Amino acid sequence: MSSPAEYYHSLPPISKAYGTMCLLFTAAYQLGIFDVFHIALVYKLVFSHFQVWRLFTNFFFLGKFSINFGIRLLMIARYGVQLEKGPFERHTADFLWMMLFGAFCMLVLAAIPIFWAPFLGISLVFMLVYVWSREFPNAQINIYGLVTLKAFYLPWAMLGLDVIFGSPLMPDLMGIIAGHLYYFLTVLHPLATGKTLLKTPRLVYP
């Protein structure tokens, strides 16, 4: 059985980097190093005070240390890692582009008042879950020991559970919208027409 250090070093680069940043941001917040307001997505400050870092930093905060934070981090470690080691193996740039495209879609959606949230990290994690469920639709998933279902239905089941437990609906919904748009443009539309509308830009390649 591998040690935690060996497991960490075995993780693929993008999932490892994103999960690590989320952990560091929350740890820094819990230690009182910064106020989360300074990294939140506030469009008025982005455009009037040129605080452009908010367009990026808001994705790295998944909330305070809690059970929900742990679940989100485990989602990155499971679904993000399985994507990066599976369909995106040896296609690190494509995986990074998927996350960048999803983040851009969420920033656009967040400009609409009904979708706005100060932090979009939960939505980005949920996008990973959605894309994973499309890439592994027949995998069997057990949710909290309550029910077993095919992975294809996992995002909707988790959305329903979040509603039941009183969590906001929009973050999950934004992840589903961004994930479906990416999957449609890169998989479904090319399969139907033979034309790829969304390609990874050369700039993203190392």
N, C-alpha and C. Protein backbone atom coordinates (compact mmCIF):
# COMPACT_ATOMS: atom_id res chain seq x y z
N MET A 1 0.85 -1.19 0.00
CA MET A 1 0.00 0.00 0.00
C MET A 1 0.89 1.25 0.00
N SER A 2 0.62 2.19 -0.91
CA SER A 2 1.47 3.36 -1.05
C SER A 2 1.21 4.37 0.07
N SER A 3 2.23 5.14 0.39
CA SER A 3 2.12 6.17 1.42
C SER A 3 1.39 7.37 0.84
N PRO A 4 0.90 8.28 1.71
CA PRO A 4 0.24 9.50 1.20
C PRO A 4 1.14 10.30 0.27
N ALA A 5 2.44 10.36 0.57
CA ALA A 5 3.37 11.11 -0.28
C ALA A 5 3.48 10.45 -1.65
N GLU A 6 3.55 9.13 -1.68
CA GLU A 6 3.64 8.41 -2.96
C GLU A 6 2.36 8.59 -3.76
N TYR A 7 1.22 8.55 -3.08
CA TYR A 7 -0.06 8.77 -3.76
C TYR A 7 -0.11 10.17 -4.36
N TYR A 8 0.31 11.16 -3.58
CA TYR A 8 0.28 12.55 -4.06
C TYR A 8 1.17 12.72 -5.29
N HIS A 9 2.35 12.16 -5.25
CA HIS A 9 3.28 12.30 -6.39
C HIS A 9 2.79 11.53 -7.62
N SER A 10 1.92 10.54 -7.40
CA SER A 10 1.41 9.76 -8.53
C SER A 10 0.26 10.45 -9.26
N LEU A 11 -0.28 11.51 -8.65
CA LEU A 11 -1.43 12.19 -9.26
C LEU A 11 -1.02 12.91 -10.54
N PRO A 12 -1.91 12.96 -11.53
CA PRO A 12 -1.61 13.70 -12.77
C PRO A 12 -1.52 15.19 -12.49
N PRO A 13 -0.81 15.94 -13.33
CA PRO A 13 -0.41 17.32 -12.97
C PRO A 13 -1.53 18.33 -12.77
N ILE A 14 -2.53 18.34 -13.63
CA ILE A 14 -3.56 19.39 -13.54
C ILE A 14 -4.46 19.17 -12.34
N SER A 15 -4.95 17.95 -12.15
CA SER A 15 -5.80 17.64 -10.99
C SER A 15 -5.03 17.88 -9.70
N LYS A 16 -3.76 17.48 -9.68
CA LYS A 16 -2.92 17.69 -8.48
C LYS A 16 -2.74 19.17 -8.19
N ALA A 17 -2.46 19.95 -9.23
CA ALA A 17 -2.24 21.39 -9.04
C ALA A 17 -3.51 22.08 -8.56
N TYR A 18 -4.64 21.74 -9.18
CA TYR A 18 -5.90 22.39 -8.81
C TYR A 18 -6.31 22.02 -7.39
N GLY A 19 -6.25 20.74 -7.07
CA GLY A 19 -6.60 20.30 -5.72
C GLY A 19 -5.69 20.91 -4.67
N THR A 20 -4.40 21.01 -4.97
CA THR A 20 -3.44 21.59 -4.03
C THR A 20 -3.74 23.07 -3.80
N MET A 21 -4.03 23.80 -4.89
CA MET A 21 -4.34 25.22 -4.76
C MET A 21 -5.59 25.44 -3.92
N CYS A 22 -6.61 24.61 -4.14
CA CYS A 22 -7.85 24.72 -3.35
C CYS A 22 -7.56 24.48 -1.87
N LEU A 23 -6.73 23.49 -1.58
CA LEU A 23 -6.37 23.19 -0.19
C LEU A 23 -5.58 24.34 0.43
N LEU A 24 -4.64 24.89 -0.31
CA LEU A 24 -3.81 25.98 0.20
C LEU A 24 -4.62 27.25 0.44
N PHE A 25 -5.55 27.56 -0.48
CA PHE A 25 -6.37 28.76 -0.31
C PHE A 25 -7.24 28.65 0.94
N THR A 26 -7.84 27.47 1.14
CA THR A 26 -8.69 27.30 2.32
C THR A 26 -7.85 27.31 3.60
N ALA A 27 -6.68 26.68 3.56
CA ALA A 27 -5.80 26.68 4.73
C ALA A 27 -5.37 28.11 5.08
N ALA A 28 -5.03 28.89 4.06
CA ALA A 28 -4.63 30.28 4.29
C ALA A 28 -5.77 31.09 4.88
N TYR A 29 -6.98 30.84 4.40
CA TYR A 29 -8.15 31.54 4.94
C TYR A 29 -8.38 31.16 6.41
N GLN A 30 -8.30 29.86 6.70
CA GLN A 30 -8.54 29.39 8.08
C GLN A 30 -7.48 29.93 9.04
N LEU A 31 -6.28 30.18 8.53
CA LEU A 31 -5.20 30.71 9.36
C LEU A 31 -5.27 32.23 9.49
N GLY A 32 -6.24 32.84 8.79
CA GLY A 32 -6.42 34.28 8.88
C GLY A 32 -5.44 35.08 8.05
N ILE A 33 -4.83 34.44 7.04
CA ILE A 33 -3.83 35.12 6.22
C ILE A 33 -4.48 36.14 5.30
N PHE A 34 -5.69 35.85 4.84
CA PHE A 34 -6.40 36.82 4.01
C PHE A 34 -7.91 36.70 4.23
N ASP A 35 -8.61 37.72 3.82
CA ASP A 35 -10.08 37.74 3.85
C ASP A 35 -10.56 37.27 2.49
N VAL A 36 -11.51 36.33 2.47
CA VAL A 36 -11.96 35.77 1.19
C VAL A 36 -12.59 36.81 0.28
N PHE A 37 -13.03 37.94 0.83
CA PHE A 37 -13.59 38.98 -0.01
C PHE A 37 -12.58 39.44 -1.06
N HIS A 38 -11.30 39.39 -0.72
CA HIS A 38 -10.26 39.89 -1.62
C HIS A 38 -9.99 38.95 -2.79
N ILE A 39 -10.54 37.73 -2.75
CA ILE A 39 -10.36 36.81 -3.88
C ILE A 39 -11.70 36.47 -4.55
N ALA A 40 -12.78 37.03 -4.04
CA ALA A 40 -14.12 36.72 -4.56
C ALA A 40 -14.35 37.38 -5.92
N LEU A 41 -15.29 36.81 -6.67
CA LEU A 41 -15.66 37.35 -7.98
C LEU A 41 -16.63 38.51 -7.79
N VAL A 42 -16.12 39.73 -7.94
CA VAL A 42 -16.95 40.93 -7.84
C VAL A 42 -16.67 41.74 -9.11
N TYR A 43 -17.58 41.65 -10.07
CA TYR A 43 -17.32 42.24 -11.39
C TYR A 43 -17.11 43.76 -11.31
N LYS A 44 -17.80 44.40 -10.40
CA LYS A 44 -17.65 45.84 -10.28
C LYS A 44 -16.20 46.21 -9.97
N LEU A 45 -15.56 45.44 -9.08
CA LEU A 45 -14.17 45.70 -8.73
C LEU A 45 -13.21 45.26 -9.82
N VAL A 46 -13.59 44.22 -10.57
CA VAL A 46 -12.76 43.78 -11.68
C VAL A 46 -12.62 44.88 -12.73
N PHE A 47 -13.74 45.52 -13.05
CA PHE A 47 -13.73 46.48 -14.14
C PHE A 47 -13.46 47.92 -13.70
N SER A 48 -13.87 48.29 -12.48
CA SER A 48 -13.67 49.68 -12.05
C SER A 48 -12.33 49.88 -11.35
N HIS A 49 -11.81 48.81 -10.70
CA HIS A 49 -10.53 48.92 -10.01
C HIS A 49 -9.47 48.00 -10.61
N PHE A 50 -9.78 47.38 -11.74
CA PHE A 50 -8.83 46.51 -12.47
C PHE A 50 -8.28 45.38 -11.59
N GLN A 51 -9.14 44.84 -10.71
CA GLN A 51 -8.73 43.72 -9.87
C GLN A 51 -8.98 42.40 -10.62
N VAL A 52 -8.22 42.24 -11.70
CA VAL A 52 -8.46 41.11 -12.62
C VAL A 52 -8.15 39.76 -11.99
N TRP A 53 -7.34 39.74 -10.90
CA TRP A 53 -7.04 38.47 -10.28
C TRP A 53 -8.30 37.76 -9.79
N ARG A 54 -9.34 38.51 -9.52
CA ARG A 54 -10.58 37.91 -9.03
C ARG A 54 -11.19 36.93 -10.04
N LEU A 55 -10.90 37.14 -11.33
CA LEU A 55 -11.40 36.24 -12.36
C LEU A 55 -10.78 34.86 -12.25
N PHE A 56 -9.66 34.74 -11.53
CA PHE A 56 -8.96 33.46 -11.38
C PHE A 56 -9.05 32.93 -9.95
N THR A 57 -8.81 33.80 -8.97
CA THR A 57 -8.72 33.32 -7.59
C THR A 57 -10.02 32.76 -7.06
N ASN A 58 -11.15 33.22 -7.59
CA ASN A 58 -12.44 32.73 -7.06
C ASN A 58 -12.64 31.24 -7.27
N PHE A 59 -11.90 30.67 -8.25
CA PHE A 59 -12.05 29.24 -8.55
C PHE A 59 -11.31 28.35 -7.55
N PHE A 60 -10.47 28.95 -6.70
CA PHE A 60 -9.64 28.13 -5.81
C PHE A 60 -10.16 28.06 -4.39
N PHE A 61 -11.33 28.62 -4.14
CA PHE A 61 -11.89 28.57 -2.79
C PHE A 61 -13.15 27.71 -2.80
N LEU A 62 -13.08 26.59 -2.09
CA LEU A 62 -14.21 25.65 -2.04
C LEU A 62 -14.98 25.74 -0.72
N GLY A 63 -14.68 26.77 0.06
CA GLY A 63 -15.36 26.93 1.34
C GLY A 63 -14.43 26.62 2.50
N LYS A 64 -14.95 26.80 3.71
CA LYS A 64 -14.18 26.51 4.93
C LYS A 64 -13.93 25.01 5.03
N PHE A 65 -12.94 24.65 5.88
CA PHE A 65 -12.72 23.24 6.18
C PHE A 65 -14.01 22.67 6.76
N SER A 66 -14.56 21.66 6.10
CA SER A 66 -15.82 21.07 6.52
C SER A 66 -15.99 19.75 5.77
N ILE A 67 -17.09 19.06 6.06
CA ILE A 67 -17.39 17.83 5.33
C ILE A 67 -17.59 18.13 3.85
N ASN A 68 -18.30 19.21 3.56
CA ASN A 68 -18.54 19.57 2.16
C ASN A 68 -17.24 19.90 1.44
N PHE A 69 -16.32 20.59 2.12
CA PHE A 69 -15.02 20.88 1.52
C PHE A 69 -14.30 19.57 1.21
N GLY A 70 -14.31 18.64 2.16
CA GLY A 70 -13.65 17.36 1.96
C GLY A 70 -14.24 16.59 0.79
N ILE A 71 -15.57 16.63 0.66
CA ILE A 71 -16.24 15.95 -0.45
C ILE A 71 -15.81 16.54 -1.79
N ARG A 72 -15.74 17.88 -1.88
CA ARG A 72 -15.33 18.53 -3.13
C ARG A 72 -13.90 18.17 -3.49
N LEU A 73 -13.03 18.12 -2.47
CA LEU A 73 -11.64 17.78 -2.73
C LEU A 73 -11.51 16.33 -3.20
N LEU A 74 -12.32 15.46 -2.60
CA LEU A 74 -12.33 14.06 -3.02
C LEU A 74 -12.86 13.90 -4.44
N MET A 75 -13.79 14.78 -4.84
CA MET A 75 -14.29 14.74 -6.22
C MET A 75 -13.17 15.03 -7.21
N ILE A 76 -12.33 16.02 -6.87
CA ILE A 76 -11.18 16.31 -7.73
C ILE A 76 -10.26 15.09 -7.79
N ALA A 77 -10.00 14.50 -6.60
CA ALA A 77 -9.08 13.37 -6.51
C ALA A 77 -9.60 12.13 -7.22
N ARG A 78 -10.93 12.01 -7.30
CA ARG A 78 -11.49 10.83 -7.96
C ARG A 78 -11.83 11.10 -9.42
N TYR A 79 -12.74 12.03 -9.65
CA TYR A 79 -13.25 12.22 -11.01
C TYR A 79 -12.26 12.98 -11.91
N GLY A 80 -11.61 14.00 -11.33
CA GLY A 80 -10.60 14.71 -12.11
C GLY A 80 -9.44 13.80 -12.47
N VAL A 81 -8.96 13.04 -11.49
CA VAL A 81 -7.82 12.14 -11.71
C VAL A 81 -8.18 11.04 -12.70
N GLN A 82 -9.37 10.45 -12.58
CA GLN A 82 -9.77 9.39 -13.52
C GLN A 82 -9.90 9.92 -14.94
N LEU A 83 -10.37 11.15 -15.09
CA LEU A 83 -10.42 11.75 -16.42
C LEU A 83 -9.01 11.95 -16.97
N GLU A 84 -8.15 12.51 -16.14
CA GLU A 84 -6.80 12.85 -16.60
C GLU A 84 -5.97 11.60 -16.87
N LYS A 85 -6.25 10.53 -16.14
CA LYS A 85 -5.52 9.28 -16.36
C LYS A 85 -6.19 8.38 -17.38
N GLY A 86 -7.46 8.71 -17.74
CA GLY A 86 -8.21 7.89 -18.68
C GLY A 86 -8.31 8.54 -20.05
N PRO A 87 -9.46 9.16 -20.36
CA PRO A 87 -9.66 9.76 -21.68
C PRO A 87 -8.64 10.84 -22.03
N PHE A 88 -8.08 11.50 -21.02
CA PHE A 88 -7.13 12.59 -21.27
C PHE A 88 -5.68 12.18 -21.02
N GLU A 89 -5.43 10.87 -20.91
CA GLU A 89 -4.06 10.42 -20.69
C GLU A 89 -3.18 10.84 -21.86
N ARG A 90 -2.05 11.42 -21.55
CA ARG A 90 -1.10 11.95 -22.55
C ARG A 90 -1.70 13.12 -23.33
N HIS A 91 -2.80 13.67 -22.81
CA HIS A 91 -3.42 14.86 -23.43
C HIS A 91 -3.65 15.91 -22.33
N THR A 92 -2.58 16.19 -21.61
CA THR A 92 -2.67 17.12 -20.49
C THR A 92 -3.16 18.49 -20.94
N ALA A 93 -2.69 18.95 -22.10
CA ALA A 93 -3.11 20.26 -22.60
C ALA A 93 -4.62 20.28 -22.86
N ASP A 94 -5.16 19.18 -23.37
CA ASP A 94 -6.60 19.11 -23.63
C ASP A 94 -7.40 19.16 -22.33
N PHE A 95 -6.87 18.51 -21.30
CA PHE A 95 -7.55 18.52 -20.00
C PHE A 95 -7.52 19.93 -19.41
N LEU A 96 -6.36 20.58 -19.51
CA LEU A 96 -6.25 21.96 -19.04
C LEU A 96 -7.19 22.87 -19.81
N TRP A 97 -7.29 22.67 -21.12
CA TRP A 97 -8.18 23.50 -21.94
C TRP A 97 -9.64 23.26 -21.56
N MET A 98 -9.99 22.02 -21.23
CA MET A 98 -11.36 21.74 -20.79
C MET A 98 -11.69 22.56 -19.54
N MET A 99 -10.76 22.61 -18.60
CA MET A 99 -11.00 23.36 -17.36
C MET A 99 -11.03 24.87 -17.62
N LEU A 100 -10.15 25.35 -18.49
CA LEU A 100 -10.14 26.77 -18.83
C LEU A 100 -11.41 27.17 -19.57
N PHE A 101 -11.86 26.32 -20.49
CA PHE A 101 -13.10 26.60 -21.23
C PHE A 101 -14.28 26.60 -20.27
N GLY A 102 -14.32 25.63 -19.37
CA GLY A 102 -15.40 25.58 -18.38
C GLY A 102 -15.40 26.80 -17.49
N ALA A 103 -14.20 27.23 -17.04
CA ALA A 103 -14.11 28.41 -16.19
C ALA A 103 -14.60 29.65 -16.93
N PHE A 104 -14.25 29.76 -18.21
CA PHE A 104 -14.70 30.91 -19.01
C PHE A 104 -16.23 30.92 -19.13
N CYS A 105 -16.81 29.75 -19.40
CA CYS A 105 -18.27 29.64 -19.51
C CYS A 105 -18.94 30.08 -18.21
N MET A 106 -18.35 29.68 -17.08
CA MET A 106 -18.93 30.03 -15.78
C MET A 106 -18.81 31.52 -15.50
N LEU A 107 -17.70 32.13 -15.92
CA LEU A 107 -17.55 33.57 -15.74
C LEU A 107 -18.60 34.33 -16.56
N VAL A 108 -18.90 33.83 -17.75
CA VAL A 108 -19.94 34.44 -18.58
C VAL A 108 -21.30 34.28 -17.92
N LEU A 109 -21.60 33.07 -17.45
CA LEU A 109 -22.88 32.82 -16.78
C LEU A 109 -23.01 33.66 -15.51
N ALA A 110 -21.90 33.81 -14.78
CA ALA A 110 -21.93 34.56 -13.52
C ALA A 110 -22.22 36.04 -13.72
N ALA A 111 -22.08 36.51 -14.95
CA ALA A 111 -22.41 37.91 -15.25
C ALA A 111 -23.92 38.12 -15.25
N ILE A 112 -24.68 37.00 -15.33
CA ILE A 112 -26.14 37.05 -15.24
C ILE A 112 -26.51 36.96 -13.75
N PRO A 113 -27.23 37.94 -13.23
CA PRO A 113 -27.48 38.00 -11.78
C PRO A 113 -27.97 36.70 -11.14
N ILE A 114 -28.84 35.96 -11.83
CA ILE A 114 -29.40 34.75 -11.22
C ILE A 114 -28.33 33.67 -11.02
N PHE A 115 -27.25 33.72 -11.83
CA PHE A 115 -26.19 32.71 -11.75
C PHE A 115 -25.01 33.16 -10.89
N TRP A 116 -24.95 34.46 -10.57
CA TRP A 116 -23.75 34.97 -9.91
C TRP A 116 -23.50 34.30 -8.57
N ALA A 117 -22.23 34.02 -8.33
CA ALA A 117 -21.77 33.53 -7.02
C ALA A 117 -20.38 34.10 -6.80
N PRO A 118 -20.01 34.37 -5.55
CA PRO A 118 -18.68 34.95 -5.31
C PRO A 118 -17.53 34.00 -5.59
N PHE A 119 -17.83 32.69 -5.54
CA PHE A 119 -16.80 31.68 -5.78
C PHE A 119 -17.36 30.60 -6.70
N LEU A 120 -16.60 30.26 -7.74
CA LEU A 120 -17.09 29.33 -8.76
C LEU A 120 -16.35 27.99 -8.72
N GLY A 121 -15.56 27.77 -7.68
CA GLY A 121 -14.82 26.52 -7.58
C GLY A 121 -15.72 25.29 -7.52
N ILE A 122 -16.82 25.39 -6.77
CA ILE A 122 -17.75 24.26 -6.66
C ILE A 122 -18.33 23.92 -8.03
N SER A 123 -18.62 24.94 -8.83
CA SER A 123 -19.14 24.72 -10.18
C SER A 123 -18.11 24.03 -11.06
N LEU A 124 -16.84 24.42 -10.93
CA LEU A 124 -15.78 23.82 -11.74
C LEU A 124 -15.59 22.36 -11.37
N VAL A 125 -15.66 22.06 -10.08
CA VAL A 125 -15.57 20.66 -9.64
C VAL A 125 -16.75 19.87 -10.17
N PHE A 126 -17.93 20.47 -10.14
CA PHE A 126 -19.13 19.77 -10.62
C PHE A 126 -19.05 19.53 -12.12
N MET A 127 -18.39 20.42 -12.84
CA MET A 127 -18.17 20.19 -14.27
C MET A 127 -17.33 18.93 -14.49
N LEU A 128 -16.30 18.74 -13.66
CA LEU A 128 -15.48 17.52 -13.76
C LEU A 128 -16.35 16.28 -13.56
N VAL A 129 -17.25 16.35 -12.59
CA VAL A 129 -18.16 15.22 -12.33
C VAL A 129 -19.02 14.96 -13.56
N TYR A 130 -19.55 16.03 -14.17
CA TYR A 130 -20.42 15.86 -15.33
C TYR A 130 -19.68 15.23 -16.50
N VAL A 131 -18.50 15.76 -16.82
CA VAL A 131 -17.74 15.21 -17.95
C VAL A 131 -17.35 13.76 -17.67
N TRP A 132 -16.95 13.48 -16.41
CA TRP A 132 -16.62 12.10 -16.05
C TRP A 132 -17.82 11.19 -16.27
N SER A 133 -19.00 11.64 -15.90
CA SER A 133 -20.21 10.80 -16.03
C SER A 133 -20.53 10.51 -17.49
N ARG A 134 -20.10 11.39 -18.40
CA ARG A 134 -20.31 11.16 -19.83
C ARG A 134 -19.25 10.24 -20.42
N GLU A 135 -18.06 10.30 -19.87
CA GLU A 135 -16.98 9.45 -20.36
C GLU A 135 -17.08 8.03 -19.80
N PHE A 136 -17.69 7.87 -18.62
CA PHE A 136 -17.84 6.55 -17.99
C PHE A 136 -19.31 6.32 -17.64
N PRO A 137 -20.21 6.38 -18.62
CA PRO A 137 -21.65 6.37 -18.34
C PRO A 137 -22.17 5.10 -17.68
N ASN A 138 -21.48 3.98 -17.88
CA ASN A 138 -21.99 2.71 -17.35
C ASN A 138 -21.34 2.28 -16.04
N ALA A 139 -20.44 3.10 -15.53
CA ALA A 139 -19.82 2.77 -14.24
C ALA A 139 -20.88 2.80 -13.14
N GLN A 140 -20.75 1.89 -12.19
CA GLN A 140 -21.69 1.83 -11.08
C GLN A 140 -21.20 2.70 -9.92
N ILE A 141 -22.06 3.57 -9.45
CA ILE A 141 -21.70 4.52 -8.40
C ILE A 141 -22.64 4.33 -7.21
N ASN A 142 -22.04 4.27 -6.02
CA ASN A 142 -22.82 4.22 -4.78
C ASN A 142 -22.77 5.59 -4.13
N ILE A 143 -23.91 6.20 -3.92
CA ILE A 143 -23.98 7.55 -3.36
C ILE A 143 -24.28 7.49 -1.87
N TYR A 144 -23.26 7.83 -1.06
CA TYR A 144 -23.40 7.92 0.40
C TYR A 144 -23.99 6.65 1.00
N GLY A 145 -23.81 5.52 0.32
CA GLY A 145 -24.34 4.27 0.83
C GLY A 145 -25.85 4.15 0.75
N LEU A 146 -26.49 5.11 0.04
CA LEU A 146 -27.96 5.13 -0.03
C LEU A 146 -28.49 4.43 -1.26
N VAL A 147 -27.85 4.65 -2.39
CA VAL A 147 -28.37 4.12 -3.64
C VAL A 147 -27.24 3.88 -4.62
N THR A 148 -27.37 2.87 -5.47
CA THR A 148 -26.40 2.58 -6.52
C THR A 148 -27.04 2.88 -7.87
N LEU A 149 -26.33 3.59 -8.70
CA LEU A 149 -26.87 3.94 -10.01
C LEU A 149 -25.74 4.07 -11.01
N LYS A 150 -26.11 4.14 -12.30
CA LYS A 150 -25.11 4.32 -13.35
C LYS A 150 -24.53 5.72 -13.28
N ALA A 151 -23.26 5.84 -13.63
CA ALA A 151 -22.57 7.14 -13.54
C ALA A 151 -23.24 8.20 -14.40
N PHE A 152 -23.91 7.79 -15.48
CA PHE A 152 -24.57 8.75 -16.36
C PHE A 152 -25.54 9.65 -15.59
N TYR A 153 -26.15 9.10 -14.55
CA TYR A 153 -27.15 9.85 -13.78
C TYR A 153 -26.56 10.53 -12.55
N LEU A 154 -25.26 10.36 -12.31
CA LEU A 154 -24.65 10.88 -11.09
C LEU A 154 -24.82 12.39 -10.91
N PRO A 155 -24.56 13.23 -11.92
CA PRO A 155 -24.71 14.68 -11.69
C PRO A 155 -26.11 15.07 -11.23
N TRP A 156 -27.13 14.44 -11.83
CA TRP A 156 -28.50 14.79 -11.48
C TRP A 156 -28.85 14.29 -10.09
N ALA A 157 -28.32 13.12 -9.72
CA ALA A 157 -28.57 12.60 -8.38
C ALA A 157 -27.92 13.50 -7.33
N MET A 158 -26.70 13.96 -7.61
CA MET A 158 -26.01 14.83 -6.66
C MET A 158 -26.68 16.20 -6.59
N LEU A 159 -27.18 16.66 -7.72
CA LEU A 159 -27.93 17.91 -7.74
C LEU A 159 -29.17 17.80 -6.86
N GLY A 160 -29.88 16.68 -6.98
CA GLY A 160 -31.07 16.45 -6.17
C GLY A 160 -30.75 16.38 -4.69
N LEU A 161 -29.66 15.70 -4.35
CA LEU A 161 -29.27 15.59 -2.94
C LEU A 161 -28.89 16.95 -2.36
N ASP A 162 -28.19 17.76 -3.17
CA ASP A 162 -27.82 19.10 -2.69
C ASP A 162 -29.07 19.94 -2.40
N VAL A 163 -30.08 19.80 -3.25
CA VAL A 163 -31.33 20.52 -3.03
C VAL A 163 -32.01 20.04 -1.75
N ILE A 164 -32.02 18.72 -1.56
CA ILE A 164 -32.65 18.14 -0.37
C ILE A 164 -31.95 18.62 0.91
N PHE A 165 -30.61 18.70 0.85
CA PHE A 165 -29.84 19.11 2.04
C PHE A 165 -29.69 20.62 2.17
N GLY A 166 -30.38 21.35 1.29
CA GLY A 166 -30.41 22.80 1.43
C GLY A 166 -29.26 23.55 0.81
N SER A 167 -28.44 22.89 -0.02
CA SER A 167 -27.34 23.59 -0.69
C SER A 167 -27.89 24.36 -1.89
N PRO A 168 -27.21 25.43 -2.29
CA PRO A 168 -27.67 26.21 -3.44
C PRO A 168 -27.70 25.38 -4.72
N LEU A 169 -28.67 25.65 -5.56
CA LEU A 169 -28.86 24.90 -6.80
C LEU A 169 -27.93 25.38 -7.92
N MET A 170 -27.71 26.70 -8.00
CA MET A 170 -27.04 27.28 -9.15
C MET A 170 -25.59 26.81 -9.36
N PRO A 171 -24.78 26.67 -8.32
CA PRO A 171 -23.40 26.21 -8.56
C PRO A 171 -23.34 24.88 -9.30
N ASP A 172 -24.16 23.91 -8.87
CA ASP A 172 -24.19 22.62 -9.54
C ASP A 172 -24.70 22.76 -10.97
N LEU A 173 -25.74 23.57 -11.14
CA LEU A 173 -26.33 23.75 -12.46
C LEU A 173 -25.35 24.40 -13.43
N MET A 174 -24.56 25.35 -12.95
CA MET A 174 -23.55 25.97 -13.79
C MET A 174 -22.50 24.96 -14.24
N GLY A 175 -22.13 24.06 -13.34
CA GLY A 175 -21.17 23.01 -13.70
C GLY A 175 -21.72 22.09 -14.77
N ILE A 176 -23.01 21.75 -14.65
CA ILE A 176 -23.66 20.89 -15.65
C ILE A 176 -23.72 21.59 -17.00
N ILE A 177 -24.09 22.87 -17.01
CA ILE A 177 -24.20 23.62 -18.27
C ILE A 177 -22.83 23.70 -18.96
N ALA A 178 -21.80 24.09 -18.21
CA ALA A 178 -20.47 24.21 -18.79
C ALA A 178 -19.95 22.85 -19.25
N GLY A 179 -20.17 21.82 -18.44
CA GLY A 179 -19.72 20.48 -18.81
C GLY A 179 -20.41 19.96 -20.05
N HIS A 180 -21.71 20.18 -20.14
CA HIS A 180 -22.45 19.70 -21.31
C HIS A 180 -22.04 20.45 -22.57
N LEU A 181 -21.81 21.76 -22.44
CA LEU A 181 -21.39 22.53 -23.61
C LEU A 181 -20.05 22.03 -24.12
N TYR A 182 -19.11 21.78 -23.19
CA TYR A 182 -17.81 21.25 -23.60
C TYR A 182 -17.96 19.89 -24.26
N TYR A 183 -18.73 18.99 -23.64
CA TYR A 183 -18.88 17.64 -24.18
C TYR A 183 -19.59 17.66 -25.52
N PHE A 184 -20.56 18.55 -25.67
CA PHE A 184 -21.27 18.66 -26.94
C PHE A 184 -20.33 19.11 -28.05
N LEU A 185 -19.53 20.13 -27.77
CA LEU A 185 -18.65 20.71 -28.79
C LEU A 185 -17.48 19.80 -29.16
N THR A 186 -17.02 19.00 -28.20
CA THR A 186 -15.82 18.19 -28.45
C THR A 186 -16.12 16.72 -28.76
N VAL A 187 -17.31 16.25 -28.40
CA VAL A 187 -17.62 14.82 -28.61
C VAL A 187 -18.90 14.62 -29.42
N LEU A 188 -20.02 15.13 -28.95
CA LEU A 188 -21.30 14.85 -29.58
C LEU A 188 -21.40 15.45 -30.97
N HIS A 189 -21.08 16.72 -31.10
CA HIS A 189 -21.17 17.38 -32.41
C HIS A 189 -20.20 16.77 -33.42
N PRO A 190 -18.93 16.52 -33.07
CA PRO A 190 -18.04 15.85 -34.02
C PRO A 190 -18.51 14.46 -34.44
N LEU A 191 -19.10 13.70 -33.50
CA LEU A 191 -19.62 12.38 -33.85
C LEU A 191 -20.77 12.47 -34.85
N ALA A 192 -21.60 13.52 -34.70
CA ALA A 192 -22.78 13.67 -35.56
C ALA A 192 -22.44 14.27 -36.91
N THR A 193 -21.45 15.16 -36.96
CA THR A 193 -21.17 15.91 -38.19
C THR A 193 -19.78 15.68 -38.77
N GLY A 194 -18.87 15.15 -37.95
CA GLY A 194 -17.50 14.99 -38.42
C GLY A 194 -16.69 16.26 -38.30
N LYS A 195 -17.28 17.32 -37.75
CA LYS A 195 -16.58 18.61 -37.61
C LYS A 195 -16.39 18.95 -36.12
N THR A 196 -15.18 19.35 -35.79
CA THR A 196 -14.88 19.73 -34.41
C THR A 196 -14.91 21.24 -34.28
N LEU A 197 -15.81 21.73 -33.43
CA LEU A 197 -15.96 23.18 -33.27
C LEU A 197 -15.04 23.76 -32.20
N LEU A 198 -14.62 22.92 -31.27
CA LEU A 198 -13.79 23.41 -30.17
C LEU A 198 -12.50 22.59 -30.11
N LYS A 199 -11.39 23.24 -30.42
CA LYS A 199 -10.09 22.59 -30.38
C LYS A 199 -9.19 23.28 -29.36
N THR A 200 -8.27 22.52 -28.80
CA THR A 200 -7.32 23.09 -27.85
C THR A 200 -6.37 24.03 -28.57
N PRO A 201 -6.29 25.30 -28.16
CA PRO A 201 -5.39 26.25 -28.82
C PRO A 201 -3.93 25.85 -28.66
N ARG A 202 -3.11 26.17 -29.63
CA ARG A 202 -1.70 25.87 -29.57
C ARG A 202 -1.03 26.51 -28.36
N LEU A 203 -1.57 27.63 -27.95
CA LEU A 203 -1.01 28.37 -26.81
C LEU A 203 -1.01 27.55 -25.54
N VAL A 204 -1.94 26.59 -25.41
CA VAL A 204 -2.08 25.80 -24.20
C VAL A 204 -1.03 24.67 -24.16
N TYR A 205 -0.56 24.26 -25.32
CA TYR A 205 0.41 23.17 -25.36
C TYR A 205 1.76 23.62 -24.81
N PRO A 206 2.47 22.73 -24.12
CA PRO A 206 3.79 23.10 -23.55
C PRO A 206 4.83 23.30 -24.64
